[in-house]
Amino acid sequence: MVIATLRQKLFELLRADRPPTGYRPGVTLAHLRRNLGLATLQVNGFAFEIVERTESQLLMHVVMTEFLLQVPASAGGTGRFEVHHGGAIRRNGIRVRCRSGNPALGRELQARLQADDVLLQALMPLDFKRLRIELQDRQWSVRLEHMGGSEVVNRMPAFRRYIALSPVQREHLLATLAGLQRVLSTL
């Protein structure tokens, strides 16, 4: 009975759906909005959204922000793709990995990303952790998680640090979102 009680207490303590201790919803988003310097989340006539996501570790957590972009697709189909930089030491291109759906669509997506010089010039120096592109119900969904615009919160020793987007990364990020909107709207 004691072991069952301890197991239940441990489960409640480590529950995944519970926010981490010290998490302040919306604070990192407020820092990022000030950091971006935009009155609205619109650039060159297209709108995007920003959401927070937490990742818990032992005595700390990280609050990351994801930039979301929705683009109507010109054709149907489904697919989930991950975009990342190529090269082990130096970035030497963009690679698209097909996670599900039509592999030919993934090859076409990679060709279009490589062919758009403006997008490629913005995407290559961009320090992103994840870039996911999904096609479903004639709608492209882009989720871009940048290395900046996040907050590290440690409980022992207690500290909290916002990692800002540099002005150069800010410009690359906004140019990447605009380029992805342009490329995906024709695909």
N, C-alpha and C. Protein backbone atom coordinates (compact mmCIF):
# COMPACT_ATOMS: atom_id res chain seq x y z
N MET A 1 0.82 -1.19 0.00
CA MET A 1 0.00 0.00 0.00
C MET A 1 0.86 1.26 0.00
N VAL A 2 1.95 1.25 0.73
CA VAL A 2 2.85 2.40 0.78
C VAL A 2 3.48 2.61 -0.59
N ILE A 3 3.87 1.53 -1.25
CA ILE A 3 4.48 1.65 -2.58
C ILE A 3 3.48 2.21 -3.57
N ALA A 4 2.24 1.78 -3.50
CA ALA A 4 1.21 2.30 -4.40
C ALA A 4 0.98 3.79 -4.17
N THR A 5 1.00 4.21 -2.92
CA THR A 5 0.82 5.62 -2.59
C THR A 5 2.01 6.44 -3.11
N LEU A 6 3.23 5.92 -2.91
CA LEU A 6 4.41 6.60 -3.42
C LEU A 6 4.40 6.69 -4.94
N ARG A 7 3.98 5.61 -5.59
CA ARG A 7 3.89 5.61 -7.04
C ARG A 7 2.89 6.66 -7.53
N GLN A 8 1.75 6.75 -6.85
CA GLN A 8 0.73 7.74 -7.21
C GLN A 8 1.26 9.16 -7.02
N LYS A 9 1.95 9.41 -5.91
CA LYS A 9 2.52 10.74 -5.65
C LYS A 9 3.57 11.10 -6.70
N LEU A 10 4.41 10.14 -7.06
CA LEU A 10 5.43 10.37 -8.08
C LEU A 10 4.78 10.66 -9.44
N PHE A 11 3.74 9.93 -9.78
CA PHE A 11 3.02 10.16 -11.02
C PHE A 11 2.43 11.57 -11.05
N GLU A 12 1.83 11.99 -9.95
CA GLU A 12 1.24 13.33 -9.89
C GLU A 12 2.32 14.41 -9.99
N LEU A 13 3.49 14.16 -9.40
CA LEU A 13 4.58 15.11 -9.45
C LEU A 13 5.13 15.28 -10.86
N LEU A 14 5.23 14.18 -11.59
CA LEU A 14 5.83 14.20 -12.92
C LEU A 14 4.81 14.26 -14.05
N ARG A 15 3.58 14.55 -13.74
CA ARG A 15 2.52 14.58 -14.75
C ARG A 15 2.90 15.51 -15.90
N ALA A 16 2.77 15.04 -17.13
CA ALA A 16 3.19 15.79 -18.32
C ALA A 16 2.26 16.95 -18.65
N ASP A 17 0.99 16.84 -18.28
CA ASP A 17 0.03 17.88 -18.66
C ASP A 17 0.04 19.06 -17.69
N ARG A 18 0.80 18.97 -16.62
CA ARG A 18 0.90 20.05 -15.65
C ARG A 18 2.00 21.01 -16.07
N PRO A 19 1.75 22.33 -16.01
CA PRO A 19 2.82 23.27 -16.37
C PRO A 19 3.95 23.20 -15.36
N PRO A 20 5.19 23.48 -15.81
CA PRO A 20 6.33 23.41 -14.89
C PRO A 20 6.24 24.47 -13.79
N THR A 21 6.83 24.18 -12.66
CA THR A 21 6.87 25.12 -11.55
C THR A 21 7.62 26.37 -11.97
N GLY A 22 7.03 27.53 -11.73
CA GLY A 22 7.66 28.79 -12.10
C GLY A 22 7.30 29.29 -13.48
N TYR A 23 6.51 28.52 -14.22
CA TYR A 23 6.11 28.94 -15.56
C TYR A 23 5.10 30.08 -15.47
N ARG A 24 5.36 31.15 -16.19
CA ARG A 24 4.48 32.31 -16.22
C ARG A 24 3.93 32.47 -17.64
N PRO A 25 2.72 31.96 -17.89
CA PRO A 25 2.17 32.00 -19.25
C PRO A 25 2.10 33.43 -19.79
N GLY A 26 2.57 33.60 -21.01
CA GLY A 26 2.48 34.89 -21.68
C GLY A 26 3.66 35.82 -21.47
N VAL A 27 4.50 35.59 -20.47
CA VAL A 27 5.61 36.50 -20.18
C VAL A 27 6.65 36.44 -21.30
N THR A 28 7.01 35.25 -21.73
CA THR A 28 7.99 35.11 -22.81
C THR A 28 7.45 35.70 -24.10
N LEU A 29 6.16 35.51 -24.36
CA LEU A 29 5.54 36.10 -25.56
C LEU A 29 5.61 37.62 -25.52
N ALA A 30 5.39 38.20 -24.34
CA ALA A 30 5.47 39.66 -24.21
C ALA A 30 6.90 40.15 -24.48
N HIS A 31 7.91 39.43 -23.96
CA HIS A 31 9.30 39.78 -24.24
C HIS A 31 9.57 39.71 -25.75
N LEU A 32 9.09 38.65 -26.37
CA LEU A 32 9.34 38.45 -27.80
C LEU A 32 8.64 39.51 -28.65
N ARG A 33 7.42 39.87 -28.29
CA ARG A 33 6.72 40.91 -29.05
C ARG A 33 7.47 42.24 -28.97
N ARG A 34 7.98 42.59 -27.79
CA ARG A 34 8.79 43.81 -27.67
C ARG A 34 10.08 43.67 -28.48
N ASN A 35 10.67 42.49 -28.42
CA ASN A 35 11.90 42.21 -29.15
C ASN A 35 11.70 42.33 -30.67
N LEU A 36 10.54 41.87 -31.17
CA LEU A 36 10.25 41.95 -32.60
C LEU A 36 9.97 43.38 -33.04
N GLY A 37 9.41 44.19 -32.15
CA GLY A 37 9.11 45.57 -32.48
C GLY A 37 7.99 45.74 -33.48
N LEU A 38 7.04 44.81 -33.49
CA LEU A 38 5.91 44.88 -34.41
C LEU A 38 4.64 45.22 -33.63
N ALA A 39 3.86 46.15 -34.16
CA ALA A 39 2.59 46.48 -33.51
C ALA A 39 1.59 45.36 -33.71
N THR A 40 1.60 44.76 -34.90
CA THR A 40 0.75 43.61 -35.19
C THR A 40 1.63 42.50 -35.75
N LEU A 41 1.13 41.31 -35.72
CA LEU A 41 1.89 40.17 -36.25
C LEU A 41 1.61 40.03 -37.74
N GLN A 42 1.98 41.06 -38.47
CA GLN A 42 1.82 41.09 -39.92
C GLN A 42 3.10 41.63 -40.53
N VAL A 43 3.51 41.00 -41.59
CA VAL A 43 4.67 41.46 -42.34
C VAL A 43 4.35 41.32 -43.82
N ASN A 44 4.51 42.40 -44.55
CA ASN A 44 4.26 42.40 -46.01
C ASN A 44 2.89 41.85 -46.38
N GLY A 45 1.88 42.15 -45.57
CA GLY A 45 0.51 41.76 -45.90
C GLY A 45 0.10 40.37 -45.47
N PHE A 46 0.95 39.59 -44.85
CA PHE A 46 0.52 38.28 -44.37
C PHE A 46 0.63 38.25 -42.85
N ALA A 47 -0.27 37.50 -42.24
CA ALA A 47 -0.33 37.42 -40.78
C ALA A 47 0.28 36.10 -40.30
N PHE A 48 0.90 36.15 -39.15
CA PHE A 48 1.40 34.94 -38.51
C PHE A 48 1.04 35.00 -37.04
N GLU A 49 1.26 33.92 -36.36
CA GLU A 49 0.90 33.80 -34.95
C GLU A 49 2.12 33.29 -34.19
N ILE A 50 2.18 33.60 -32.90
CA ILE A 50 3.26 33.09 -32.06
C ILE A 50 2.64 32.40 -30.85
N VAL A 51 3.13 31.21 -30.53
CA VAL A 51 2.64 30.46 -29.36
C VAL A 51 3.83 30.03 -28.51
N GLU A 52 3.56 29.83 -27.23
CA GLU A 52 4.58 29.34 -26.30
C GLU A 52 4.47 27.83 -26.17
N ARG A 53 5.61 27.22 -25.90
CA ARG A 53 5.67 25.79 -25.63
C ARG A 53 6.73 25.58 -24.55
N THR A 54 6.41 24.77 -23.55
CA THR A 54 7.38 24.52 -22.48
C THR A 54 8.01 23.15 -22.64
N GLU A 55 9.22 23.05 -22.16
CA GLU A 55 9.94 21.79 -22.15
C GLU A 55 10.58 21.66 -20.78
N SER A 56 10.13 20.69 -20.01
CA SER A 56 10.62 20.51 -18.63
C SER A 56 11.83 19.60 -18.59
N GLN A 57 12.75 19.95 -17.70
CA GLN A 57 13.87 19.09 -17.37
C GLN A 57 13.90 18.96 -15.86
N LEU A 58 14.94 18.41 -15.28
CA LEU A 58 14.92 18.07 -13.87
C LEU A 58 14.59 19.25 -12.96
N LEU A 59 15.44 20.24 -12.86
CA LEU A 59 15.20 21.38 -11.99
C LEU A 59 15.08 22.68 -12.79
N MET A 60 14.70 22.54 -14.04
CA MET A 60 14.57 23.72 -14.88
C MET A 60 13.55 23.46 -15.97
N HIS A 61 13.17 24.52 -16.65
CA HIS A 61 12.36 24.38 -17.85
C HIS A 61 12.71 25.49 -18.83
N VAL A 62 12.38 25.25 -20.08
CA VAL A 62 12.63 26.21 -21.15
C VAL A 62 11.28 26.56 -21.75
N VAL A 63 11.04 27.85 -21.95
CA VAL A 63 9.83 28.31 -22.62
C VAL A 63 10.27 28.73 -24.02
N MET A 64 9.81 27.98 -25.02
CA MET A 64 10.17 28.27 -26.40
C MET A 64 8.98 28.88 -27.12
N THR A 65 9.26 29.62 -28.15
CA THR A 65 8.19 30.22 -28.93
C THR A 65 8.23 29.65 -30.34
N GLU A 66 7.05 29.40 -30.88
CA GLU A 66 6.91 28.91 -32.24
C GLU A 66 6.14 29.93 -33.06
N PHE A 67 6.64 30.19 -34.26
CA PHE A 67 5.97 31.07 -35.20
C PHE A 67 5.12 30.19 -36.10
N LEU A 68 3.82 30.51 -36.17
CA LEU A 68 2.88 29.72 -36.95
C LEU A 68 2.41 30.52 -38.15
N LEU A 69 2.39 29.86 -39.29
CA LEU A 69 1.97 30.49 -40.53
C LEU A 69 1.03 29.54 -41.25
N GLN A 70 -0.13 30.03 -41.69
CA GLN A 70 -1.10 29.24 -42.44
C GLN A 70 -1.16 29.80 -43.86
N VAL A 71 -1.01 28.94 -44.85
CA VAL A 71 -1.02 29.36 -46.25
C VAL A 71 -1.96 28.43 -47.02
N PRO A 72 -2.93 28.97 -47.75
CA PRO A 72 -3.79 28.11 -48.58
C PRO A 72 -2.96 27.40 -49.65
N ALA A 73 -3.24 26.13 -49.87
CA ALA A 73 -2.51 25.34 -50.86
C ALA A 73 -3.24 25.38 -52.20
N SER A 74 -2.48 25.36 -53.28
CA SER A 74 -3.10 25.37 -54.60
C SER A 74 -3.55 23.98 -55.02
N ALA A 75 -3.01 22.94 -54.38
CA ALA A 75 -3.40 21.56 -54.69
C ALA A 75 -3.69 20.81 -53.40
N GLY A 76 -4.35 19.69 -53.52
CA GLY A 76 -4.68 18.87 -52.35
C GLY A 76 -3.55 17.92 -52.00
N GLY A 77 -3.83 17.06 -51.08
CA GLY A 77 -2.86 16.08 -50.63
C GLY A 77 -2.56 16.25 -49.16
N THR A 78 -1.71 15.37 -48.66
CA THR A 78 -1.29 15.46 -47.27
C THR A 78 0.21 15.18 -47.19
N GLY A 79 0.82 15.71 -46.18
CA GLY A 79 2.24 15.44 -45.96
C GLY A 79 2.76 16.21 -44.77
N ARG A 80 3.75 15.62 -44.10
CA ARG A 80 4.44 16.28 -43.00
C ARG A 80 5.92 16.26 -43.32
N PHE A 81 6.54 17.44 -43.25
CA PHE A 81 7.94 17.59 -43.64
C PHE A 81 8.70 18.36 -42.58
N GLU A 82 9.97 17.99 -42.42
CA GLU A 82 10.88 18.72 -41.54
C GLU A 82 11.98 19.31 -42.40
N VAL A 83 12.27 20.57 -42.17
CA VAL A 83 13.31 21.28 -42.91
C VAL A 83 14.46 21.54 -41.95
N HIS A 84 15.67 21.29 -42.42
CA HIS A 84 16.85 21.55 -41.60
C HIS A 84 18.03 21.93 -42.50
N HIS A 85 19.06 22.47 -41.88
CA HIS A 85 20.28 22.82 -42.62
C HIS A 85 21.05 21.55 -42.94
N GLY A 86 21.68 21.53 -44.09
CA GLY A 86 22.55 20.42 -44.45
C GLY A 86 23.97 20.74 -44.04
N GLY A 87 24.77 19.72 -43.89
CA GLY A 87 26.18 19.91 -43.52
C GLY A 87 26.42 19.64 -42.06
N ALA A 88 27.50 18.92 -41.77
CA ALA A 88 27.81 18.58 -40.39
C ALA A 88 28.48 19.74 -39.65
N ILE A 89 29.37 20.45 -40.32
CA ILE A 89 30.08 21.53 -39.65
C ILE A 89 29.63 22.88 -40.19
N ARG A 90 29.56 23.02 -41.49
CA ARG A 90 29.12 24.26 -42.12
C ARG A 90 27.81 24.02 -42.84
N ARG A 91 26.97 25.01 -42.79
CA ARG A 91 25.69 24.91 -43.49
C ARG A 91 25.93 24.94 -44.99
N ASN A 92 25.42 23.92 -45.67
CA ASN A 92 25.66 23.85 -47.11
C ASN A 92 24.38 23.63 -47.91
N GLY A 93 23.27 24.04 -47.36
CA GLY A 93 22.01 23.90 -48.09
C GLY A 93 20.87 23.59 -47.15
N ILE A 94 19.72 23.43 -47.75
CA ILE A 94 18.50 23.12 -47.00
C ILE A 94 18.06 21.71 -47.39
N ARG A 95 17.69 20.93 -46.41
CA ARG A 95 17.22 19.56 -46.64
C ARG A 95 15.78 19.44 -46.15
N VAL A 96 14.98 18.73 -46.88
CA VAL A 96 13.59 18.48 -46.49
C VAL A 96 13.44 16.98 -46.27
N ARG A 97 12.98 16.61 -45.10
CA ARG A 97 12.76 15.21 -44.75
C ARG A 97 11.25 14.96 -44.72
N CYS A 98 10.81 13.98 -45.48
CA CYS A 98 9.38 13.62 -45.52
C CYS A 98 9.08 12.70 -44.35
N ARG A 99 8.22 13.13 -43.44
CA ARG A 99 7.83 12.32 -42.28
C ARG A 99 6.61 11.47 -42.59
N SER A 100 5.72 11.98 -43.43
CA SER A 100 4.58 11.19 -43.88
C SER A 100 4.01 11.86 -45.12
N GLY A 101 3.25 11.10 -45.88
CA GLY A 101 2.64 11.66 -47.08
C GLY A 101 3.44 11.33 -48.32
N ASN A 102 3.29 12.17 -49.32
CA ASN A 102 3.85 11.96 -50.64
C ASN A 102 5.32 12.39 -50.70
N PRO A 103 6.27 11.46 -50.89
CA PRO A 103 7.69 11.83 -50.99
C PRO A 103 7.99 12.74 -52.18
N ALA A 104 7.22 12.59 -53.26
CA ALA A 104 7.43 13.46 -54.43
C ALA A 104 7.13 14.92 -54.07
N LEU A 105 6.13 15.13 -53.22
CA LEU A 105 5.81 16.48 -52.76
C LEU A 105 6.96 17.05 -51.93
N GLY A 106 7.61 16.20 -51.15
CA GLY A 106 8.78 16.63 -50.37
C GLY A 106 9.93 17.04 -51.27
N ARG A 107 10.15 16.29 -52.34
CA ARG A 107 11.21 16.64 -53.29
C ARG A 107 10.88 17.96 -53.99
N GLU A 108 9.60 18.14 -54.35
CA GLU A 108 9.18 19.40 -54.98
C GLU A 108 9.35 20.57 -54.01
N LEU A 109 9.00 20.35 -52.75
CA LEU A 109 9.16 21.40 -51.73
C LEU A 109 10.63 21.78 -51.59
N GLN A 110 11.52 20.79 -51.53
CA GLN A 110 12.94 21.10 -51.41
C GLN A 110 13.44 21.86 -52.64
N ALA A 111 13.01 21.46 -53.83
CA ALA A 111 13.44 22.15 -55.05
C ALA A 111 12.97 23.61 -55.05
N ARG A 112 11.74 23.84 -54.60
CA ARG A 112 11.22 25.22 -54.57
C ARG A 112 11.94 26.07 -53.52
N LEU A 113 12.24 25.48 -52.37
CA LEU A 113 12.97 26.22 -51.33
C LEU A 113 14.38 26.58 -51.83
N GLN A 114 15.04 25.65 -52.51
CA GLN A 114 16.38 25.91 -53.02
C GLN A 114 16.37 26.91 -54.18
N ALA A 115 15.28 26.93 -54.95
CA ALA A 115 15.22 27.79 -56.14
C ALA A 115 14.91 29.24 -55.80
N ASP A 116 14.29 29.51 -54.66
CA ASP A 116 13.94 30.88 -54.27
C ASP A 116 15.15 31.50 -53.58
N ASP A 117 15.91 32.32 -54.32
CA ASP A 117 17.16 32.88 -53.80
C ASP A 117 16.95 33.77 -52.58
N VAL A 118 15.89 34.56 -52.57
CA VAL A 118 15.63 35.46 -51.44
C VAL A 118 15.34 34.65 -50.18
N LEU A 119 14.51 33.62 -50.32
CA LEU A 119 14.20 32.75 -49.17
C LEU A 119 15.45 32.01 -48.71
N LEU A 120 16.22 31.49 -49.64
CA LEU A 120 17.42 30.75 -49.28
C LEU A 120 18.44 31.64 -48.55
N GLN A 121 18.57 32.90 -48.99
CA GLN A 121 19.49 33.83 -48.32
C GLN A 121 19.03 34.17 -46.91
N ALA A 122 17.73 34.11 -46.65
CA ALA A 122 17.22 34.36 -45.31
C ALA A 122 17.29 33.10 -44.45
N LEU A 123 17.05 31.95 -45.06
CA LEU A 123 16.95 30.68 -44.32
C LEU A 123 18.31 30.12 -43.91
N MET A 124 19.33 30.32 -44.74
CA MET A 124 20.64 29.74 -44.44
C MET A 124 21.25 30.28 -43.14
N PRO A 125 21.27 31.59 -42.89
CA PRO A 125 21.86 32.05 -41.62
C PRO A 125 20.89 32.04 -40.44
N LEU A 126 19.64 31.64 -40.68
CA LEU A 126 18.64 31.65 -39.60
C LEU A 126 18.94 30.53 -38.61
N ASP A 127 19.02 30.88 -37.33
CA ASP A 127 19.30 29.91 -36.27
C ASP A 127 17.99 29.34 -35.73
N PHE A 128 17.46 28.34 -36.41
CA PHE A 128 16.21 27.74 -35.96
C PHE A 128 16.48 26.34 -35.41
N LYS A 129 15.63 25.96 -34.46
CA LYS A 129 15.73 24.65 -33.86
C LYS A 129 14.89 23.64 -34.64
N ARG A 130 13.66 24.05 -34.98
CA ARG A 130 12.75 23.19 -35.74
C ARG A 130 12.01 24.01 -36.78
N LEU A 131 11.79 23.39 -37.94
CA LEU A 131 10.95 23.98 -38.97
C LEU A 131 10.14 22.83 -39.55
N ARG A 132 8.85 22.84 -39.24
CA ARG A 132 7.94 21.79 -39.71
C ARG A 132 6.93 22.40 -40.67
N ILE A 133 6.70 21.71 -41.76
CA ILE A 133 5.73 22.15 -42.75
C ILE A 133 4.77 20.98 -42.98
N GLU A 134 3.47 21.26 -42.89
CA GLU A 134 2.47 20.22 -43.03
C GLU A 134 1.40 20.66 -44.02
N LEU A 135 0.97 19.72 -44.86
CA LEU A 135 -0.11 19.96 -45.81
C LEU A 135 -1.28 19.08 -45.43
N GLN A 136 -2.43 19.69 -45.22
CA GLN A 136 -3.64 18.94 -44.89
C GLN A 136 -4.84 19.81 -45.22
N ASP A 137 -5.86 19.22 -45.82
CA ASP A 137 -7.11 19.92 -46.15
C ASP A 137 -6.85 21.20 -46.95
N ARG A 138 -5.98 21.09 -47.97
CA ARG A 138 -5.66 22.22 -48.86
C ARG A 138 -5.15 23.43 -48.08
N GLN A 139 -4.37 23.16 -47.04
CA GLN A 139 -3.82 24.22 -46.17
C GLN A 139 -2.40 23.83 -45.76
N TRP A 140 -1.44 24.71 -46.00
CA TRP A 140 -0.09 24.54 -45.50
C TRP A 140 -0.01 25.14 -44.10
N SER A 141 0.62 24.41 -43.19
CA SER A 141 0.86 24.90 -41.84
C SER A 141 2.36 24.86 -41.58
N VAL A 142 2.91 26.01 -41.21
CA VAL A 142 4.34 26.12 -40.92
C VAL A 142 4.51 26.39 -39.43
N ARG A 143 5.40 25.65 -38.79
CA ARG A 143 5.76 25.86 -37.38
C ARG A 143 7.28 26.03 -37.33
N LEU A 144 7.72 27.24 -37.00
CA LEU A 144 9.14 27.53 -36.95
C LEU A 144 9.51 27.90 -35.52
N GLU A 145 10.43 27.13 -34.96
CA GLU A 145 10.92 27.41 -33.60
C GLU A 145 12.33 27.94 -33.70
N HIS A 146 12.51 29.21 -33.35
CA HIS A 146 13.83 29.85 -33.41
C HIS A 146 14.58 29.60 -32.11
N MET A 147 15.90 29.66 -32.17
CA MET A 147 16.71 29.48 -30.96
C MET A 147 16.51 30.65 -29.99
N GLY A 148 16.32 31.85 -30.53
CA GLY A 148 16.08 33.03 -29.70
C GLY A 148 14.60 33.14 -29.39
N GLY A 149 14.25 34.18 -28.67
CA GLY A 149 12.84 34.37 -28.31
C GLY A 149 12.37 33.32 -27.33
N SER A 150 13.29 32.84 -26.50
CA SER A 150 12.94 31.81 -25.52
C SER A 150 13.44 32.24 -24.14
N GLU A 151 12.99 31.51 -23.14
CA GLU A 151 13.36 31.83 -21.77
C GLU A 151 13.79 30.56 -21.05
N VAL A 152 14.89 30.65 -20.32
CA VAL A 152 15.40 29.55 -19.51
C VAL A 152 15.11 29.87 -18.05
N VAL A 153 14.45 28.93 -17.37
CA VAL A 153 14.11 29.13 -15.96
C VAL A 153 14.70 27.97 -15.17
N ASN A 154 15.56 28.31 -14.21
CA ASN A 154 16.21 27.32 -13.38
C ASN A 154 15.74 27.51 -11.94
N ARG A 155 15.52 26.40 -11.25
CA ARG A 155 15.08 26.50 -9.85
C ARG A 155 16.24 26.44 -8.88
N MET A 156 17.34 25.78 -9.23
CA MET A 156 18.45 25.64 -8.30
C MET A 156 19.74 25.73 -9.07
N PRO A 157 20.49 26.79 -9.05
CA PRO A 157 20.19 28.05 -8.38
C PRO A 157 19.09 28.79 -9.14
N ALA A 158 18.37 29.60 -8.45
CA ALA A 158 17.21 30.28 -9.03
C ALA A 158 17.66 31.39 -9.98
N PHE A 159 17.29 31.25 -11.24
CA PHE A 159 17.49 32.33 -12.20
C PHE A 159 16.52 32.16 -13.35
N ARG A 160 16.32 33.24 -14.06
CA ARG A 160 15.41 33.30 -15.20
C ARG A 160 16.08 34.19 -16.23
N ARG A 161 16.20 33.69 -17.47
CA ARG A 161 16.88 34.48 -18.49
C ARG A 161 16.14 34.39 -19.82
N TYR A 162 15.82 35.56 -20.38
CA TYR A 162 15.22 35.63 -21.70
C TYR A 162 16.34 35.71 -22.74
N ILE A 163 16.26 34.88 -23.76
CA ILE A 163 17.25 34.87 -24.83
C ILE A 163 16.64 35.62 -26.01
N ALA A 164 17.12 36.82 -26.23
CA ALA A 164 16.52 37.71 -27.22
C ALA A 164 16.93 37.32 -28.64
N LEU A 165 16.09 37.74 -29.58
CA LEU A 165 16.43 37.66 -31.00
C LEU A 165 17.34 38.84 -31.33
N SER A 166 18.45 38.59 -31.97
CA SER A 166 19.32 39.69 -32.39
C SER A 166 18.63 40.42 -33.55
N PRO A 167 18.99 41.68 -33.80
CA PRO A 167 18.39 42.39 -34.93
C PRO A 167 18.60 41.68 -36.27
N VAL A 168 19.77 41.06 -36.45
CA VAL A 168 20.04 40.34 -37.70
C VAL A 168 19.14 39.11 -37.81
N GLN A 169 19.01 38.35 -36.71
CA GLN A 169 18.15 37.16 -36.72
C GLN A 169 16.68 37.55 -36.91
N ARG A 170 16.29 38.68 -36.34
CA ARG A 170 14.92 39.17 -36.51
C ARG A 170 14.62 39.38 -38.00
N GLU A 171 15.54 40.03 -38.71
CA GLU A 171 15.34 40.28 -40.14
C GLU A 171 15.31 38.98 -40.93
N HIS A 172 16.19 38.04 -40.62
CA HIS A 172 16.19 36.74 -41.31
C HIS A 172 14.89 35.99 -41.03
N LEU A 173 14.41 36.05 -39.80
CA LEU A 173 13.18 35.37 -39.44
C LEU A 173 11.99 35.92 -40.21
N LEU A 174 11.83 37.23 -40.23
CA LEU A 174 10.70 37.83 -40.94
C LEU A 174 10.80 37.60 -42.45
N ALA A 175 12.02 37.64 -42.99
CA ALA A 175 12.20 37.35 -44.42
C ALA A 175 11.90 35.88 -44.73
N THR A 176 12.25 34.98 -43.80
CA THR A 176 11.94 33.56 -43.99
C THR A 176 10.44 33.32 -43.99
N LEU A 177 9.73 33.93 -43.05
CA LEU A 177 8.27 33.77 -43.01
C LEU A 177 7.64 34.31 -44.29
N ALA A 178 8.10 35.45 -44.77
CA ALA A 178 7.56 36.02 -46.00
C ALA A 178 7.88 35.12 -47.19
N GLY A 179 9.10 34.58 -47.23
CA GLY A 179 9.49 33.68 -48.33
C GLY A 179 8.72 32.37 -48.31
N LEU A 180 8.50 31.81 -47.13
CA LEU A 180 7.72 30.57 -47.03
C LEU A 180 6.28 30.80 -47.48
N GLN A 181 5.72 31.94 -47.12
CA GLN A 181 4.36 32.27 -47.55
C GLN A 181 4.32 32.36 -49.07
N ARG A 182 5.31 32.99 -49.67
CA ARG A 182 5.36 33.16 -51.12
C ARG A 182 5.52 31.81 -51.84
N VAL A 183 6.46 30.97 -51.37
CA VAL A 183 6.72 29.70 -52.02
C VAL A 183 5.56 28.72 -51.85
N LEU A 184 5.03 28.62 -50.64
CA LEU A 184 3.96 27.65 -50.39
C LEU A 184 2.64 28.03 -51.08
N SER A 185 2.41 29.30 -51.30
CA SER A 185 1.15 29.71 -51.94
C SER A 185 1.09 29.26 -53.40
N THR A 186 2.23 28.93 -54.00
CA THR A 186 2.25 28.47 -55.39
C THR A 186 2.44 26.96 -55.49
N LEU A 187 2.55 26.28 -54.39
CA LEU A 187 2.83 24.83 -54.40
C LEU A 187 1.58 24.04 -54.14
